[in-house]
Amino acid sequence: MAVTPNRTFDASGLSCPLPIVKTKKEIDTMNSEEILEVISTDPGSKNDMVAWCNRTGNKLLDSVEESGKFKFYIQKS
């Protein structure tokens, strides 16, 4: 799936819960329907991002794992 983000947030090197906390802060500054790309190196972020999106109503459009990094594409509700 080709997703073009409006903004990218690099959470590489951050451990739980910081990727989620900082993703929330970043998405709070965006407009509805905009897409945030989040890059994380924390393996726990795979489950955390899914749960966070389900809880907040933001839409996880796609997630990709490549070279030890996890990329998430989240559309603000």
C-alpha atoms as a PDB file:
ATOM      1  CA  MET A   1       0.000   0.000   0.000  1.00  0.00           C
ATOM      2  CA  ALA A   2       1.462   3.345  -1.026  1.00  0.00           C
ATOM      3  CA  VAL A   3       0.754   5.961   1.629  1.00  0.00           C
ATOM      4  CA  THR A   4       1.954   9.540   1.386  1.00  0.00           C
ATOM      5  CA  PRO A   5       2.290  11.032   4.865  1.00  0.00           C
ATOM      6  CA  ASN A   6       1.728  14.707   5.628  1.00  0.00           C
ATOM      7  CA  ARG A   7       4.328  14.491   8.384  1.00  0.00           C
ATOM      8  CA  THR A   8       6.938  12.052   9.725  1.00  0.00           C
ATOM      9  CA  PHE A   9       7.842  11.501  13.370  1.00  0.00           C
ATOM     10  CA  ASP A  10      10.973   9.486  14.126  1.00  0.00           C
ATOM     11  CA  ALA A  11      10.691   7.727  17.489  1.00  0.00           C
ATOM     12  CA  SER A  12      13.786   5.595  16.883  1.00  0.00           C
ATOM     13  CA  GLY A  13      15.624   4.787  20.095  1.00  0.00           C
ATOM     14  CA  LEU A  14      12.630   5.551  22.324  1.00  0.00           C
ATOM     15  CA  SER A  15      11.219   2.815  24.556  1.00  0.00           C
ATOM     16  CA  CYS A  16       7.644   2.222  25.671  1.00  0.00           C
ATOM     17  CA  PRO A  17       5.647   4.288  26.456  1.00  0.00           C
ATOM     18  CA  LEU A  18       7.460   7.211  24.771  1.00  0.00           C
ATOM     19  CA  PRO A  19       6.663   6.308  21.128  1.00  0.00           C
ATOM     20  CA  ILE A  20       2.917   6.394  21.943  1.00  0.00           C
ATOM     21  CA  VAL A  21       3.136   9.498  24.150  1.00  0.00           C
ATOM     22  CA  LYS A  22       5.048  11.448  21.513  1.00  0.00           C
ATOM     23  CA  THR A  23       2.848  10.127  18.674  1.00  0.00           C
ATOM     24  CA  LYS A  24      -0.185  11.486  20.539  1.00  0.00           C
ATOM     25  CA  LYS A  25       1.482  14.890  20.946  1.00  0.00           C
ATOM     26  CA  GLU A  26       2.377  14.963  17.247  1.00  0.00           C
ATOM     27  CA  ILE A  27      -1.066  13.873  16.022  1.00  0.00           C
ATOM     28  CA  ASP A  28      -2.743  16.453  18.292  1.00  0.00           C
ATOM     29  CA  THR A  29      -1.109  19.206  16.194  1.00  0.00           C
ATOM     30  CA  MET A  30      -2.448  17.790  12.905  1.00  0.00           C
ATOM     31  CA  ASN A  31      -5.730  18.284  11.066  1.00  0.00           C
ATOM     32  CA  SER A  32      -8.349  15.554  10.595  1.00  0.00           C
ATOM     33  CA  GLU A  33      -7.618  13.167   7.722  1.00  0.00           C
ATOM     34  CA  GLU A  34      -3.899  14.055   7.689  1.00  0.00           C
ATOM     35  CA  ILE A  35      -1.481  11.125   7.788  1.00  0.00           C
ATOM     36  CA  LEU A  36       1.408  10.738  10.215  1.00  0.00           C
ATOM     37  CA  GLU A  37       4.269   8.349   9.517  1.00  0.00           C
ATOM     38  CA  VAL A  38       5.822   7.081  12.754  1.00  0.00           C
ATOM     39  CA  ILE A  39       9.189   5.326  12.698  1.00  0.00           C
ATOM     40  CA  SER A  40      10.080   3.233  15.744  1.00  0.00           C
ATOM     41  CA  THR A  41      12.788   0.766  16.753  1.00  0.00           C
ATOM     42  CA  ASP A  42      10.821  -0.552  19.759  1.00  0.00           C
ATOM     43  CA  PRO A  43       9.376  -4.008  18.916  1.00  0.00           C
ATOM     44  CA  GLY A  44       6.565  -3.402  21.430  1.00  0.00           C
ATOM     45  CA  SER A  45       5.327  -0.527  19.312  1.00  0.00           C
ATOM     46  CA  LYS A  46       3.734  -3.024  16.882  1.00  0.00           C
ATOM     47  CA  ASN A  47       1.062  -3.958  19.408  1.00  0.00           C
ATOM     48  CA  ASP A  48       1.035  -0.554  21.103  1.00  0.00           C
ATOM     49  CA  MET A  49       0.200   1.401  17.920  1.00  0.00           C
ATOM     50  CA  VAL A  50      -2.653  -0.955  17.003  1.00  0.00           C
ATOM     51  CA  ALA A  51      -4.143  -0.707  20.507  1.00  0.00           C
ATOM     52  CA  TRP A  52      -3.665   3.076  20.639  1.00  0.00           C
ATOM     53  CA  CYS A  53      -5.365   3.592  17.263  1.00  0.00           C
ATOM     54  CA  ASN A  54      -8.274   1.369  18.306  1.00  0.00           C
ATOM     55  CA  ARG A  55      -8.645   3.266  21.576  1.00  0.00           C
ATOM     56  CA  THR A  56      -8.390   6.775  20.080  1.00  0.00           C
ATOM     57  CA  GLY A  57     -10.327   6.263  16.840  1.00  0.00           C
ATOM     58  CA  ASN A  58      -7.360   7.199  14.669  1.00  0.00           C
ATOM     59  CA  LYS A  59      -6.941   4.884  11.684  1.00  0.00           C
ATOM     60  CA  LEU A  60      -3.857   2.704  11.223  1.00  0.00           C
ATOM     61  CA  LEU A  61      -3.629   2.650   7.437  1.00  0.00           C
ATOM     62  CA  ASP A  62      -0.546   0.468   7.176  1.00  0.00           C
ATOM     63  CA  SER A  63       2.475  -0.814   9.074  1.00  0.00           C
ATOM     64  CA  VAL A  64       5.765  -2.038   7.675  1.00  0.00           C
ATOM     65  CA  GLU A  65       8.824  -3.640   9.241  1.00  0.00           C
ATOM     66  CA  GLU A  66      12.135  -3.150   7.459  1.00  0.00           C
ATOM     67  CA  SER A  67      15.740  -3.299   8.627  1.00  0.00           C
ATOM     68  CA  GLY A  68      14.835  -3.356  12.318  1.00  0.00           C
ATOM     69  CA  LYS A  69      12.554  -0.335  12.050  1.00  0.00           C
ATOM     70  CA  PHE A  70       8.792  -0.276  12.255  1.00  0.00           C
ATOM     71  CA  LYS A  71       6.849   2.258  10.196  1.00  0.00           C
ATOM     72  CA  PHE A  72       3.253   3.108  10.963  1.00  0.00           C
ATOM     73  CA  TYR A  73       0.926   5.248   8.861  1.00  0.00           C
ATOM     74  CA  ILE A  74      -1.796   6.769  11.016  1.00  0.00           C
ATOM     75  CA  GLN A  75      -4.657   8.893   9.730  1.00  0.00           C
ATOM     76  CA  LYS A  76      -6.006  11.357  12.253  1.00  0.00           C
ATOM     77  CA  SER A  77      -9.723  10.930  12.910  1.00  0.00           C
END
